[in-house]
């Protein structure tokens, strides 16, 4: 083999080695971390229909598709978003910015905002990995407007009753 050919082969190897080292393994690690975070952070509790009622035994193919059960309080009625639609329409950088912004109640946005960039990236990549599926969640409804979907009542009078028990 001649010297120019060896030099060219070594150059290609040196240039591609970092890309190969960061390839499938880092992607798999991100997906595993994202899946773990979805499970332990409670994302499925609200964003996956029937998850709580089924003690978490909902097929992963149905995770994070939003929910038609709303949360009603002084803010009106809000619905857990279909996160698979949400991230489908966002770049990773848009997701990072969005995750740091206040969100409608009762979403614990302050917990999401406190996550590291690496954790938020893992969440984003995992949700993107699941693929776009399901229907959009119903739109938020202002206070005092009746809704036809089931909802959990977070009004102060009902929360006082729960606290008194």
N, C-alpha and C. Protein backbone atom coordinates (compact mmCIF):
# COMPACT_ATOMS: atom_id res chain seq x y z
N UNK A 1 0.85 -1.18 0.00
CA UNK A 1 0.00 0.00 0.00
C UNK A 1 0.90 1.24 0.00
N UNK A 2 0.55 2.24 -0.78
CA UNK A 2 1.39 3.42 -0.85
C UNK A 2 1.07 4.40 0.29
N UNK A 3 2.02 5.28 0.56
CA UNK A 3 1.88 6.21 1.68
C UNK A 3 0.66 7.13 1.54
N UNK A 4 0.36 7.70 0.37
CA UNK A 4 -0.83 8.55 0.27
C UNK A 4 -2.11 7.80 0.62
N UNK A 5 -2.21 6.54 0.22
CA UNK A 5 -3.42 5.76 0.53
C UNK A 5 -3.54 5.52 2.02
N UNK A 6 -2.40 5.21 2.68
CA UNK A 6 -2.42 4.98 4.13
C UNK A 6 -2.80 6.28 4.85
N UNK A 7 -2.22 7.38 4.42
CA UNK A 7 -2.53 8.68 5.04
C UNK A 7 -4.01 9.01 4.87
N UNK A 8 -4.55 8.75 3.71
CA UNK A 8 -5.97 9.02 3.47
C UNK A 8 -6.85 8.15 4.36
N UNK A 9 -6.49 6.87 4.48
CA UNK A 9 -7.27 5.95 5.32
C UNK A 9 -7.22 6.39 6.78
N UNK A 10 -6.04 6.78 7.26
CA UNK A 10 -5.92 7.25 8.65
C UNK A 10 -6.70 8.54 8.87
N UNK A 11 -6.67 9.44 7.90
CA UNK A 11 -7.43 10.68 8.02
C UNK A 11 -8.92 10.41 8.15
N UNK A 12 -9.43 9.52 7.31
CA UNK A 12 -10.85 9.17 7.38
C UNK A 12 -11.17 8.55 8.73
N UNK A 13 -10.32 7.65 9.20
CA UNK A 13 -10.54 7.00 10.48
C UNK A 13 -10.54 8.03 11.62
N UNK A 14 -9.57 8.94 11.61
CA UNK A 14 -9.50 9.95 12.66
C UNK A 14 -10.69 10.89 12.63
N UNK A 15 -11.13 11.25 11.45
CA UNK A 15 -12.26 12.18 11.34
C UNK A 15 -13.59 11.52 11.72
N UNK A 16 -13.74 10.23 11.46
CA UNK A 16 -15.02 9.58 11.73
C UNK A 16 -15.08 8.94 13.11
N UNK A 17 -13.95 8.72 13.74
CA UNK A 17 -13.94 8.05 15.04
C UNK A 17 -14.81 8.76 16.07
N UNK A 18 -14.71 10.08 16.26
CA UNK A 18 -15.58 10.73 17.24
C UNK A 18 -17.06 10.54 16.90
N UNK A 19 -17.42 10.60 15.64
CA UNK A 19 -18.82 10.42 15.24
C UNK A 19 -19.28 9.01 15.53
N UNK A 20 -18.41 8.03 15.28
CA UNK A 20 -18.77 6.65 15.57
C UNK A 20 -18.91 6.42 17.06
N UNK A 21 -18.01 7.02 17.84
CA UNK A 21 -18.06 6.84 19.28
C UNK A 21 -19.31 7.46 19.88
N UNK A 22 -19.81 8.53 19.28
CA UNK A 22 -21.00 9.19 19.81
C UNK A 22 -22.27 8.70 19.16
N UNK A 23 -22.19 7.72 18.30
CA UNK A 23 -23.32 7.26 17.52
C UNK A 23 -24.40 6.54 18.29
N UNK A 24 -24.69 5.28 17.95
CA UNK A 24 -25.83 4.58 18.49
C UNK A 24 -25.84 4.47 20.00
N UNK A 25 -24.67 4.31 20.64
CA UNK A 25 -24.67 4.14 22.08
C UNK A 25 -25.20 5.37 22.80
N UNK A 26 -24.77 6.57 22.38
CA UNK A 26 -25.26 7.77 23.06
C UNK A 26 -26.74 7.98 22.77
N UNK A 27 -27.19 7.63 21.58
CA UNK A 27 -28.62 7.73 21.28
C UNK A 27 -29.43 6.79 22.13
N UNK A 28 -28.96 5.57 22.30
CA UNK A 28 -29.65 4.60 23.14
C UNK A 28 -29.68 5.07 24.58
N UNK A 29 -28.58 5.62 25.06
CA UNK A 29 -28.52 6.11 26.44
C UNK A 29 -29.53 7.25 26.63
N UNK A 30 -29.62 8.16 25.66
CA UNK A 30 -30.60 9.25 25.75
C UNK A 30 -32.03 8.71 25.80
N UNK A 31 -32.32 7.73 24.96
CA UNK A 31 -33.66 7.15 24.94
C UNK A 31 -33.98 6.46 26.26
N UNK A 32 -33.04 5.73 26.78
CA UNK A 32 -33.26 5.06 28.06
C UNK A 32 -33.45 6.07 29.18
N UNK A 33 -32.64 7.12 29.18
CA UNK A 33 -32.77 8.17 30.20
C UNK A 33 -34.11 8.89 30.05
N UNK A 34 -34.49 9.20 28.83
CA UNK A 34 -35.78 9.86 28.59
C UNK A 34 -36.94 9.01 29.05
N UNK A 35 -36.91 7.74 28.74
CA UNK A 35 -37.98 6.81 29.17
C UNK A 35 -38.05 6.76 30.69
N UNK A 36 -36.91 6.66 31.33
CA UNK A 36 -36.83 6.65 32.79
C UNK A 36 -37.44 7.93 33.36
N UNK A 37 -37.07 9.07 32.82
CA UNK A 37 -37.58 10.35 33.32
C UNK A 37 -39.09 10.46 33.14
N UNK A 38 -39.60 9.99 32.01
CA UNK A 38 -41.05 10.02 31.78
C UNK A 38 -41.75 9.20 32.87
N UNK A 39 -41.20 8.04 33.19
CA UNK A 39 -41.82 7.16 34.19
C UNK A 39 -41.75 7.74 35.60
N UNK A 40 -40.58 8.22 36.03
CA UNK A 40 -40.44 8.63 37.43
C UNK A 40 -40.84 10.08 37.68
N UNK A 41 -40.95 10.88 36.65
CA UNK A 41 -41.33 12.28 36.83
C UNK A 41 -42.83 12.49 36.82
N UNK A 42 -43.58 11.45 36.56
CA UNK A 42 -45.04 11.56 36.59
C UNK A 42 -45.65 12.07 35.30
N UNK A 43 -44.90 12.14 34.22
CA UNK A 43 -45.44 12.63 32.95
C UNK A 43 -46.67 11.82 32.52
N UNK A 44 -46.55 10.50 32.64
CA UNK A 44 -47.65 9.62 32.22
C UNK A 44 -48.90 9.80 33.08
N UNK A 45 -48.70 10.20 34.34
CA UNK A 45 -49.85 10.31 35.25
C UNK A 45 -50.97 11.16 34.65
N UNK A 46 -50.59 12.23 33.99
CA UNK A 46 -51.60 13.12 33.39
C UNK A 46 -51.66 12.99 31.87
N UNK A 47 -50.52 12.85 31.23
CA UNK A 47 -50.45 12.92 29.77
C UNK A 47 -50.75 11.60 29.05
N UNK A 48 -50.98 10.51 29.81
CA UNK A 48 -51.31 9.22 29.21
C UNK A 48 -52.67 8.77 29.73
N UNK A 49 -53.67 8.69 28.86
CA UNK A 49 -55.01 8.29 29.31
C UNK A 49 -55.01 6.93 30.01
N UNK A 50 -55.65 6.89 31.18
CA UNK A 50 -55.84 5.64 31.91
C UNK A 50 -54.62 5.12 32.64
N UNK A 51 -53.53 5.86 32.65
CA UNK A 51 -52.28 5.39 33.25
C UNK A 51 -52.41 5.14 34.75
N UNK A 52 -52.97 6.10 35.47
CA UNK A 52 -53.12 5.93 36.92
C UNK A 52 -54.09 4.81 37.25
N UNK A 53 -55.20 4.76 36.53
CA UNK A 53 -56.21 3.73 36.79
C UNK A 53 -55.68 2.33 36.53
N UNK A 54 -54.72 2.21 35.62
CA UNK A 54 -54.16 0.90 35.25
C UNK A 54 -52.86 0.61 36.00
N UNK A 55 -52.60 1.38 37.06
CA UNK A 55 -51.37 1.20 37.83
C UNK A 55 -50.13 1.22 36.94
N UNK A 56 -50.15 2.08 35.93
CA UNK A 56 -49.01 2.24 35.05
C UNK A 56 -48.87 1.17 33.98
N UNK A 57 -49.82 0.29 33.89
CA UNK A 57 -49.73 -0.80 32.91
C UNK A 57 -50.47 -0.44 31.62
N UNK A 58 -49.96 0.58 30.97
CA UNK A 58 -50.48 1.05 29.68
C UNK A 58 -49.37 0.81 28.66
N UNK A 59 -49.70 0.25 27.50
CA UNK A 59 -48.66 0.02 26.50
C UNK A 59 -47.91 1.32 26.17
N UNK A 60 -46.61 1.19 26.03
CA UNK A 60 -45.76 2.34 25.74
C UNK A 60 -46.21 3.06 24.46
N UNK A 61 -46.81 2.32 23.54
CA UNK A 61 -47.29 2.93 22.29
C UNK A 61 -48.39 3.96 22.54
N UNK A 62 -48.98 3.95 23.73
CA UNK A 62 -50.05 4.90 24.07
C UNK A 62 -49.58 6.02 24.99
N UNK A 63 -48.34 5.98 25.39
CA UNK A 63 -47.82 6.98 26.32
C UNK A 63 -47.83 8.38 25.70
N UNK A 64 -48.15 9.35 26.54
CA UNK A 64 -47.99 10.78 26.26
C UNK A 64 -48.83 11.29 25.09
N UNK A 65 -49.98 10.66 24.87
CA UNK A 65 -50.85 11.07 23.77
C UNK A 65 -51.90 12.09 24.21
N UNK A 66 -51.75 12.67 25.39
CA UNK A 66 -52.68 13.68 25.87
C UNK A 66 -53.86 13.05 26.57
N UNK A 67 -54.73 13.89 27.09
CA UNK A 67 -55.85 13.36 27.87
C UNK A 67 -57.06 14.28 27.73
N UNK A 68 -58.22 13.65 27.65
CA UNK A 68 -59.48 14.39 27.56
C UNK A 68 -60.08 14.65 28.94
N UNK A 69 -59.41 14.18 29.98
CA UNK A 69 -59.83 14.51 31.35
C UNK A 69 -59.12 15.81 31.71
N UNK A 70 -59.91 16.83 32.01
CA UNK A 70 -59.35 18.14 32.28
C UNK A 70 -59.12 18.39 33.76
N UNK A 71 -58.52 19.52 34.02
CA UNK A 71 -58.31 20.01 35.38
C UNK A 71 -58.98 21.37 35.46
N UNK A 72 -59.96 21.47 36.35
CA UNK A 72 -60.72 22.71 36.45
C UNK A 72 -60.42 23.41 37.76
N UNK A 73 -60.15 24.70 37.67
CA UNK A 73 -59.86 25.52 38.83
C UNK A 73 -60.09 26.97 38.51
N UNK A 74 -59.58 27.86 39.34
CA UNK A 74 -59.78 29.30 39.10
C UNK A 74 -59.24 29.75 37.74
N UNK A 75 -58.34 28.99 37.15
CA UNK A 75 -57.74 29.31 35.85
C UNK A 75 -58.63 28.88 34.68
N UNK A 76 -59.71 28.14 34.95
CA UNK A 76 -60.56 27.59 33.91
C UNK A 76 -60.37 26.08 33.87
N UNK A 77 -60.43 25.50 32.68
CA UNK A 77 -60.22 24.06 32.53
C UNK A 77 -59.08 23.86 31.53
N UNK A 78 -58.08 23.12 31.96
CA UNK A 78 -56.94 22.82 31.11
C UNK A 78 -56.85 21.31 30.92
N UNK A 79 -56.19 20.92 29.86
CA UNK A 79 -56.06 19.51 29.51
C UNK A 79 -54.59 19.16 29.30
N UNK A 80 -54.19 17.97 29.74
CA UNK A 80 -52.81 17.55 29.50
C UNK A 80 -52.54 17.40 28.00
N UNK A 81 -51.54 18.08 27.53
CA UNK A 81 -51.22 18.12 26.10
C UNK A 81 -50.78 16.75 25.58
N UNK A 82 -50.99 16.55 24.30
CA UNK A 82 -50.42 15.41 23.61
C UNK A 82 -48.95 15.78 23.36
N UNK A 83 -48.08 15.27 24.21
CA UNK A 83 -46.67 15.65 24.12
C UNK A 83 -46.02 15.12 22.85
N UNK A 84 -46.57 14.07 22.30
CA UNK A 84 -46.00 13.54 21.06
C UNK A 84 -46.26 14.49 19.90
N UNK A 85 -47.41 15.17 19.89
CA UNK A 85 -47.66 16.23 18.90
C UNK A 85 -46.78 17.43 19.20
N UNK A 86 -46.70 17.78 20.49
CA UNK A 86 -45.95 18.96 20.90
C UNK A 86 -44.50 18.89 20.43
N UNK A 87 -43.80 17.81 20.75
CA UNK A 87 -42.38 17.75 20.38
C UNK A 87 -42.20 17.52 18.89
N UNK A 88 -43.19 16.93 18.24
CA UNK A 88 -43.11 16.74 16.79
C UNK A 88 -42.98 18.08 16.08
N UNK A 89 -43.60 19.11 16.65
CA UNK A 89 -43.61 20.43 16.03
C UNK A 89 -42.52 21.36 16.55
N UNK A 90 -41.64 20.87 17.44
CA UNK A 90 -40.59 21.71 18.01
C UNK A 90 -39.20 21.17 17.67
N UNK A 91 -38.27 22.08 17.51
CA UNK A 91 -36.87 21.66 17.46
C UNK A 91 -36.42 21.40 18.89
N UNK A 92 -35.28 20.77 19.03
CA UNK A 92 -34.76 20.50 20.37
C UNK A 92 -34.52 21.80 21.13
N UNK A 93 -33.98 22.80 20.46
CA UNK A 93 -33.74 24.09 21.12
C UNK A 93 -35.05 24.77 21.51
N UNK A 94 -36.07 24.66 20.65
CA UNK A 94 -37.39 25.21 20.99
C UNK A 94 -37.94 24.51 22.23
N UNK A 95 -37.76 23.17 22.29
CA UNK A 95 -38.22 22.40 23.44
C UNK A 95 -37.53 22.88 24.73
N UNK A 96 -36.22 23.09 24.68
CA UNK A 96 -35.51 23.56 25.86
C UNK A 96 -36.06 24.89 26.34
N UNK A 97 -36.31 25.79 25.41
CA UNK A 97 -36.86 27.10 25.78
C UNK A 97 -38.27 26.95 26.34
N UNK A 98 -39.09 26.14 25.70
CA UNK A 98 -40.47 25.93 26.15
C UNK A 98 -40.53 25.29 27.53
N UNK A 99 -39.65 24.35 27.78
CA UNK A 99 -39.65 23.64 29.07
C UNK A 99 -39.28 24.56 30.23
N UNK A 100 -38.69 25.67 29.94
CA UNK A 100 -38.28 26.61 31.00
C UNK A 100 -39.33 27.70 31.26
N UNK A 101 -40.41 27.69 30.50
CA UNK A 101 -41.45 28.72 30.63
C UNK A 101 -42.58 28.27 31.55
N UNK A 102 -43.21 29.21 32.26
CA UNK A 102 -44.41 28.85 33.04
C UNK A 102 -45.48 28.25 32.13
N UNK A 103 -46.24 27.32 32.69
CA UNK A 103 -47.31 26.65 31.95
C UNK A 103 -48.59 26.73 32.77
N UNK A 104 -49.69 26.43 32.11
CA UNK A 104 -50.99 26.48 32.78
C UNK A 104 -51.08 25.45 33.90
N UNK A 105 -51.81 25.82 34.98
CA UNK A 105 -52.03 24.86 36.06
C UNK A 105 -52.82 23.66 35.55
N UNK A 106 -52.68 22.54 36.19
CA UNK A 106 -51.84 22.25 37.35
C UNK A 106 -50.48 21.67 36.95
N UNK A 107 -50.04 21.91 35.73
CA UNK A 107 -48.75 21.39 35.28
C UNK A 107 -47.64 21.90 36.20
N UNK A 108 -46.86 20.99 36.81
CA UNK A 108 -45.75 21.42 37.67
C UNK A 108 -44.55 21.85 36.84
N UNK A 109 -44.72 22.93 36.09
CA UNK A 109 -43.70 23.41 35.16
C UNK A 109 -42.39 23.73 35.85
N UNK A 110 -42.46 24.09 37.13
CA UNK A 110 -41.25 24.44 37.88
C UNK A 110 -40.35 23.21 38.04
N UNK A 111 -40.93 22.00 38.08
CA UNK A 111 -40.12 20.78 38.12
C UNK A 111 -39.44 20.55 36.78
N UNK A 112 -40.18 20.73 35.72
CA UNK A 112 -39.62 20.58 34.37
C UNK A 112 -38.52 21.62 34.16
N UNK A 113 -38.78 22.83 34.56
CA UNK A 113 -37.83 23.91 34.40
C UNK A 113 -36.53 23.67 35.18
N UNK A 114 -36.62 22.93 36.28
CA UNK A 114 -35.45 22.66 37.11
C UNK A 114 -34.57 21.54 36.56
N UNK A 115 -35.05 20.82 35.55
CA UNK A 115 -34.25 19.73 34.98
C UNK A 115 -33.03 20.29 34.25
N UNK A 116 -32.01 19.47 34.17
CA UNK A 116 -30.81 19.87 33.43
C UNK A 116 -31.11 19.86 31.93
N UNK A 117 -30.30 20.55 31.18
CA UNK A 117 -30.44 20.51 29.72
C UNK A 117 -30.31 19.08 29.20
N UNK A 118 -29.38 18.32 29.78
CA UNK A 118 -29.21 16.93 29.35
C UNK A 118 -30.48 16.11 29.59
N UNK A 119 -31.12 16.30 30.74
CA UNK A 119 -32.36 15.57 31.01
C UNK A 119 -33.47 16.02 30.07
N UNK A 120 -33.58 17.31 29.83
CA UNK A 120 -34.61 17.80 28.92
C UNK A 120 -34.37 17.30 27.49
N UNK A 121 -33.12 17.24 27.09
CA UNK A 121 -32.80 16.70 25.76
C UNK A 121 -33.17 15.22 25.69
N UNK A 122 -32.89 14.47 26.75
CA UNK A 122 -33.25 13.05 26.78
C UNK A 122 -34.77 12.88 26.70
N UNK A 123 -35.51 13.71 27.42
CA UNK A 123 -36.98 13.66 27.33
C UNK A 123 -37.43 13.93 25.91
N UNK A 124 -36.93 14.99 25.34
CA UNK A 124 -37.29 15.36 23.97
C UNK A 124 -37.01 14.22 23.00
N UNK A 125 -35.81 13.66 23.07
CA UNK A 125 -35.43 12.60 22.15
C UNK A 125 -36.26 11.34 22.34
N UNK A 126 -36.59 11.04 23.59
CA UNK A 126 -37.43 9.87 23.85
C UNK A 126 -38.84 10.08 23.28
N UNK A 127 -39.41 11.24 23.56
CA UNK A 127 -40.77 11.51 23.07
C UNK A 127 -40.78 11.51 21.54
N UNK A 128 -39.78 12.10 20.92
CA UNK A 128 -39.67 12.07 19.45
C UNK A 128 -39.55 10.63 18.95
N UNK A 129 -38.81 9.82 19.70
CA UNK A 129 -38.64 8.41 19.35
C UNK A 129 -39.98 7.67 19.35
N UNK A 130 -40.88 8.03 20.26
CA UNK A 130 -42.19 7.39 20.30
C UNK A 130 -42.98 7.65 19.02
N UNK A 131 -42.74 8.78 18.39
CA UNK A 131 -43.44 9.14 17.15
C UNK A 131 -44.71 9.92 17.42
N UNK A 132 -45.14 10.61 16.41
CA UNK A 132 -46.35 11.43 16.49
C UNK A 132 -47.56 10.50 16.46
N UNK A 133 -48.41 10.58 17.46
CA UNK A 133 -49.58 9.69 17.53
C UNK A 133 -50.68 10.35 18.34
N UNK A 134 -51.89 9.87 18.15
CA UNK A 134 -53.02 10.35 18.93
C UNK A 134 -53.62 11.63 18.39
N UNK A 135 -54.62 12.08 19.11
CA UNK A 135 -55.32 13.31 18.75
C UNK A 135 -54.87 14.45 19.65
N UNK A 136 -55.01 15.68 19.19
CA UNK A 136 -54.69 16.81 20.07
C UNK A 136 -55.61 16.81 21.29
N UNK A 137 -55.09 17.26 22.41
CA UNK A 137 -55.92 17.42 23.61
C UNK A 137 -56.89 18.58 23.37
N UNK A 138 -58.01 18.57 24.07
CA UNK A 138 -58.93 19.71 23.93
C UNK A 138 -58.23 21.02 24.31
N UNK A 139 -58.71 22.10 23.74
CA UNK A 139 -58.16 23.42 24.05
C UNK A 139 -58.59 23.84 25.46
N UNK A 140 -57.76 24.65 26.08
CA UNK A 140 -58.09 25.19 27.40
C UNK A 140 -59.37 26.01 27.30
N UNK A 141 -60.13 26.02 28.40
CA UNK A 141 -61.41 26.72 28.45
C UNK A 141 -61.33 27.77 29.58
N UNK A 142 -61.77 28.98 29.32
CA UNK A 142 -61.68 30.03 30.34
C UNK A 142 -62.57 29.72 31.56
N UNK A 143 -62.29 30.39 32.69
CA UNK A 143 -63.10 30.20 33.89
C UNK A 143 -64.57 30.51 33.63
N UNK A 144 -65.45 29.74 34.25
CA UNK A 144 -66.89 29.98 34.14
C UNK A 144 -67.56 29.39 32.92
N UNK A 145 -66.78 28.81 32.01
CA UNK A 145 -67.34 28.21 30.80
C UNK A 145 -67.48 26.71 31.03
N UNK A 146 -68.68 26.20 30.78
CA UNK A 146 -68.94 24.77 30.99
C UNK A 146 -68.19 23.93 29.96
N UNK A 147 -67.78 22.73 30.38
CA UNK A 147 -67.13 21.79 29.48
C UNK A 147 -67.92 20.50 29.45
N UNK A 148 -67.81 19.75 28.36
CA UNK A 148 -68.54 18.49 28.24
C UNK A 148 -67.66 17.28 28.52
N UNK A 149 -66.39 17.51 28.79
CA UNK A 149 -65.47 16.40 29.09
C UNK A 149 -65.41 16.18 30.60
N UNK A 150 -64.98 15.01 31.03
CA UNK A 150 -64.75 14.82 32.46
C UNK A 150 -63.61 15.74 32.92
N UNK A 151 -63.64 16.12 34.19
CA UNK A 151 -62.57 16.96 34.72
C UNK A 151 -62.40 16.71 36.21
N UNK A 152 -61.22 17.03 36.69
CA UNK A 152 -60.91 16.98 38.12
C UNK A 152 -61.06 18.40 38.64
N UNK A 153 -61.83 18.55 39.69
CA UNK A 153 -62.17 19.86 40.23
C UNK A 153 -61.12 20.33 41.22
N UNK A 154 -60.40 21.39 40.86
CA UNK A 154 -59.37 21.97 41.71
C UNK A 154 -59.82 23.30 42.31
N UNK A 155 -61.13 23.53 42.37
CA UNK A 155 -61.58 24.80 42.94
C UNK A 155 -61.25 24.82 44.42
N UNK A 156 -61.08 26.01 44.97
CA UNK A 156 -60.67 26.16 46.38
C UNK A 156 -61.66 25.48 47.32
N UNK A 157 -62.96 25.56 47.05
CA UNK A 157 -63.93 24.96 47.96
C UNK A 157 -63.77 23.44 48.02
N UNK A 158 -63.43 22.82 46.90
CA UNK A 158 -63.24 21.37 46.90
C UNK A 158 -61.89 20.97 47.49
N UNK A 159 -60.87 21.78 47.29
CA UNK A 159 -59.58 21.47 47.87
C UNK A 159 -59.63 21.61 49.39
N UNK A 160 -60.42 22.58 49.88
CA UNK A 160 -60.59 22.71 51.33
C UNK A 160 -61.23 21.45 51.92
N UNK A 161 -62.19 20.87 51.21
CA UNK A 161 -62.83 19.65 51.70
C UNK A 161 -61.84 18.50 51.77
N UNK A 162 -60.99 18.40 50.77
CA UNK A 162 -59.99 17.33 50.75
C UNK A 162 -58.99 17.53 51.88
N UNK A 163 -58.56 18.77 52.11
CA UNK A 163 -57.58 19.06 53.16
C UNK A 163 -58.16 18.78 54.54
N UNK A 164 -59.46 18.94 54.70
CA UNK A 164 -60.10 18.75 56.00
C UNK A 164 -60.26 17.28 56.36
N UNK A 165 -60.19 16.40 55.41
CA UNK A 165 -60.40 14.96 55.67
C UNK A 165 -59.27 14.34 56.42
